[in-house]
C-alpha atoms as a PDB file:
ATOM      1  CA  UNK A   1     101.010 115.256 116.625  1.00  0.00           C
ATOM      2  CA  UNK A   2     102.790 116.845 113.766  1.00  0.00           C
ATOM      3  CA  UNK A   3     106.154 114.993 112.970  1.00  0.00           C
ATOM      4  CA  UNK A   4     107.801 118.097 112.267  1.00  0.00           C
ATOM      5  CA  UNK A   5     107.794 119.032 116.115  1.00  0.00           C
ATOM      6  CA  UNK A   6     109.430 115.697 117.201  1.00  0.00           C
ATOM      7  CA  UNK A   7     113.214 114.772 117.326  1.00  0.00           C
ATOM      8  CA  UNK A   8     114.073 112.137 114.239  1.00  0.00           C
ATOM      9  CA  UNK A   9     113.834 109.147 116.588  1.00  0.00           C
ATOM     10  CA  UNK A  10     110.216 109.997 118.298  1.00  0.00           C
ATOM     11  CA  UNK A  11     109.317 111.012 114.750  1.00  0.00           C
ATOM     12  CA  UNK A  12     110.100 107.652 113.615  1.00  0.00           C
ATOM     13  CA  UNK A  13     108.726 105.755 116.138  1.00  0.00           C
ATOM     14  CA  UNK A  14     105.454 107.553 115.763  1.00  0.00           C
ATOM     15  CA  UNK A  15     105.291 106.798 112.031  1.00  0.00           C
ATOM     16  CA  UNK A  16     106.040 103.060 112.744  1.00  0.00           C
ATOM     17  CA  UNK A  17     103.050 103.101 115.260  1.00  0.00           C
ATOM     18  CA  UNK A  18     100.979 104.268 112.497  1.00  0.00           C
ATOM     19  CA  UNK A  19     102.283 101.922 110.106  1.00  0.00           C
ATOM     20  CA  UNK A  20     101.516  99.091 112.715  1.00  0.00           C
ATOM     21  CA  UNK A  21      97.958 100.265 113.100  1.00  0.00           C
ATOM     22  CA  UNK A  22      96.957 100.592 109.560  1.00  0.00           C
ATOM     23  CA  UNK A  23      99.014  96.786 108.699  1.00  0.00           C
ATOM     24  CA  UNK A  24      95.867  95.113 110.169  1.00  0.00           C
ATOM     25  CA  UNK A  25      96.971  91.527 108.869  1.00  0.00           C
ATOM     26  CA  UNK A  26     100.666  92.045 110.273  1.00  0.00           C
ATOM     27  CA  UNK A  27     102.336  91.008 107.101  1.00  0.00           C
ATOM     28  CA  UNK A  28     104.487  94.042 106.890  1.00  0.00           C
ATOM     29  CA  UNK A  29     103.109  95.706 104.094  1.00  0.00           C
ATOM     30  CA  UNK A  30     100.059  98.117 103.461  1.00  0.00           C
ATOM     31  CA  UNK A  31      97.058  97.223 101.128  1.00  0.00           C
ATOM     32  CA  UNK A  32      94.733  99.639  99.460  1.00  0.00           C
ATOM     33  CA  UNK A  33      92.173  98.090 101.334  1.00  0.00           C
ATOM     34  CA  UNK A  34      94.200  98.514 104.902  1.00  0.00           C
ATOM     35  CA  UNK A  35      95.142 102.232 104.309  1.00  0.00           C
ATOM     36  CA  UNK A  36      91.301 102.813 103.004  1.00  0.00           C
ATOM     37  CA  UNK A  37      89.651 100.998 106.049  1.00  0.00           C
ATOM     38  CA  UNK A  38      91.854 102.617 108.822  1.00  0.00           C
ATOM     39  CA  UNK A  39      91.291 106.346 107.254  1.00  0.00           C
ATOM     40  CA  UNK A  40      87.677 105.510 107.171  1.00  0.00           C
ATOM     41  CA  UNK A  41      87.715 104.313 110.242  1.00  0.00           C
ATOM     42  CA  UNK A  42      89.219 106.885 112.326  1.00  0.00           C
ATOM     43  CA  UNK A  43      87.374 110.133 110.195  1.00  0.00           C
ATOM     44  CA  UNK A  44      83.964 108.378 111.077  1.00  0.00           C
ATOM     45  CA  UNK A  45      85.289 108.098 114.809  1.00  0.00           C
ATOM     46  CA  UNK A  46      86.412 111.790 114.476  1.00  0.00           C
ATOM     47  CA  UNK A  47      83.237 112.840 113.060  1.00  0.00           C
ATOM     48  CA  UNK A  48      81.028 110.908 115.526  1.00  0.00           C
ATOM     49  CA  UNK A  49      82.579 112.515 118.354  1.00  0.00           C
ATOM     50  CA  UNK A  50      82.369 116.223 116.659  1.00  0.00           C
ATOM     51  CA  UNK A  51      78.548 115.080 115.745  1.00  0.00           C
ATOM     52  CA  UNK A  52      77.529 114.046 118.893  1.00  0.00           C
ATOM     53  CA  UNK A  53      77.867 117.468 120.393  1.00  0.00           C
ATOM     54  CA  UNK A  54      75.840 118.613 117.550  1.00  0.00           C
ATOM     55  CA  UNK A  55      73.144 115.879 118.104  1.00  0.00           C
ATOM     56  CA  UNK A  56      73.820 114.499 114.492  1.00  0.00           C
ATOM     57  CA  UNK A  57      75.100 110.652 113.860  1.00  0.00           C
ATOM     58  CA  UNK A  58      78.076 110.856 112.348  1.00  0.00           C
ATOM     59  CA  UNK A  59      78.105 108.979 109.167  1.00  0.00           C
ATOM     60  CA  UNK A  60      80.525 109.625 106.430  1.00  0.00           C
ATOM     61  CA  UNK A  61      78.907 111.224 103.453  1.00  0.00           C
ATOM     62  CA  UNK A  62      79.286 109.663  99.722  1.00  0.00           C
ATOM     63  CA  UNK A  63      81.527 112.682  98.933  1.00  0.00           C
ATOM     64  CA  UNK A  64      83.554 112.344 102.210  1.00  0.00           C
ATOM     65  CA  UNK A  65      83.937 108.519 101.289  1.00  0.00           C
ATOM     66  CA  UNK A  66      84.754 109.631  97.727  1.00  0.00           C
ATOM     67  CA  UNK A  67      87.532 111.826  98.810  1.00  0.00           C
ATOM     68  CA  UNK A  68      89.227 108.905 101.188  1.00  0.00           C
ATOM     69  CA  UNK A  69      89.370 106.961  98.236  1.00  0.00           C
ATOM     70  CA  UNK A  70      90.803 109.417  96.123  1.00  0.00           C
ATOM     71  CA  UNK A  71      93.215 110.542  98.902  1.00  0.00           C
ATOM     72  CA  UNK A  72      94.229 106.900  99.515  1.00  0.00           C
ATOM     73  CA  UNK A  73      94.707 106.268  95.350  1.00  0.00           C
ATOM     74  CA  UNK A  74      96.886 109.486  95.562  1.00  0.00           C
ATOM     75  CA  UNK A  75      98.669 108.078  98.747  1.00  0.00           C
ATOM     76  CA  UNK A  76      99.392 104.646  96.797  1.00  0.00           C
ATOM     77  CA  UNK A  77     100.736 106.354  93.442  1.00  0.00           C
ATOM     78  CA  UNK A  78     103.329 108.505  95.512  1.00  0.00           C
ATOM     79  CA  UNK A  79     104.510 105.749  98.144  1.00  0.00           C
ATOM     80  CA  UNK A  80     104.402 102.574  96.221  1.00  0.00           C
ATOM     81  CA  UNK A  81     107.585 103.256  94.854  1.00  0.00           C
ATOM     82  CA  UNK A  82     108.560  99.516  93.390  1.00  0.00           C
ATOM     83  CA  UNK A  83     104.597  99.484  91.917  1.00  0.00           C
ATOM     84  CA  UNK A  84     103.884  96.126  93.484  1.00  0.00           C
ATOM     85  CA  UNK A  85     100.237  97.352  94.774  1.00  0.00           C
ATOM     86  CA  UNK A  86     101.502  97.595  98.629  1.00  0.00           C
ATOM     87  CA  UNK A  87     103.135 100.053 100.581  1.00  0.00           C
ATOM     88  CA  UNK A  88     106.104  98.456 102.876  1.00  0.00           C
ATOM     89  CA  UNK A  89     107.204 100.549 105.786  1.00  0.00           C
ATOM     90  CA  UNK A  90     110.512 102.187 103.736  1.00  0.00           C
ATOM     91  CA  UNK A  91     108.089 103.609 101.362  1.00  0.00           C
ATOM     92  CA  UNK A  92     105.407 104.477 104.007  1.00  0.00           C
ATOM     93  CA  UNK A  93     108.023 106.557 105.810  1.00  0.00           C
ATOM     94  CA  UNK A  94     109.379 108.272 102.704  1.00  0.00           C
ATOM     95  CA  UNK A  95     105.659 109.224 101.719  1.00  0.00           C
ATOM     96  CA  UNK A  96     105.488 110.616 105.052  1.00  0.00           C
ATOM     97  CA  UNK A  97     107.184 114.048 104.486  1.00  0.00           C
ATOM     98  CA  UNK A  98     104.533 114.474 101.611  1.00  0.00           C
ATOM     99  CA  UNK A  99     101.334 113.106 103.340  1.00  0.00           C
ATOM    100  CA  UNK A 100     102.278 113.199 106.940  1.00  0.00           C
ATOM    101  CA  UNK A 101     100.265 115.986 108.017  1.00  0.00           C
ATOM    102  CA  UNK A 102      97.228 114.972 105.937  1.00  0.00           C
ATOM    103  CA  UNK A 103      97.631 111.522 107.512  1.00  0.00           C
ATOM    104  CA  UNK A 104      97.937 113.034 110.978  1.00  0.00           C
ATOM    105  CA  UNK A 105      94.908 115.156 110.629  1.00  0.00           C
ATOM    106  CA  UNK A 106      92.837 112.072 109.529  1.00  0.00           C
ATOM    107  CA  UNK A 107      93.917 109.868 112.363  1.00  0.00           C
ATOM    108  CA  UNK A 108      93.773 112.674 115.049  1.00  0.00           C
END
């Protein structure tokens, strides 16, 4: 669901829930691996669901994996304001305005 149609508090709660999902180790910051893993997992699940209807396996192609890697790197360049190699919650929420619709499309 696009955050642009939600109240500010509901949008913040949705963004926080995405952050919590991505933060696999629960340390309050997102590594490149955590971001890439969740994008890959959700896209593969989405693809399998769509492909099942078409009788295919739904595995990600090399091009799709490369696209996700590039997208993750682009996200980190924008989001990691303090350049420590991680994305903290405040950074994630700020970056959402630039990447939110694309992230939403991957996760849903």
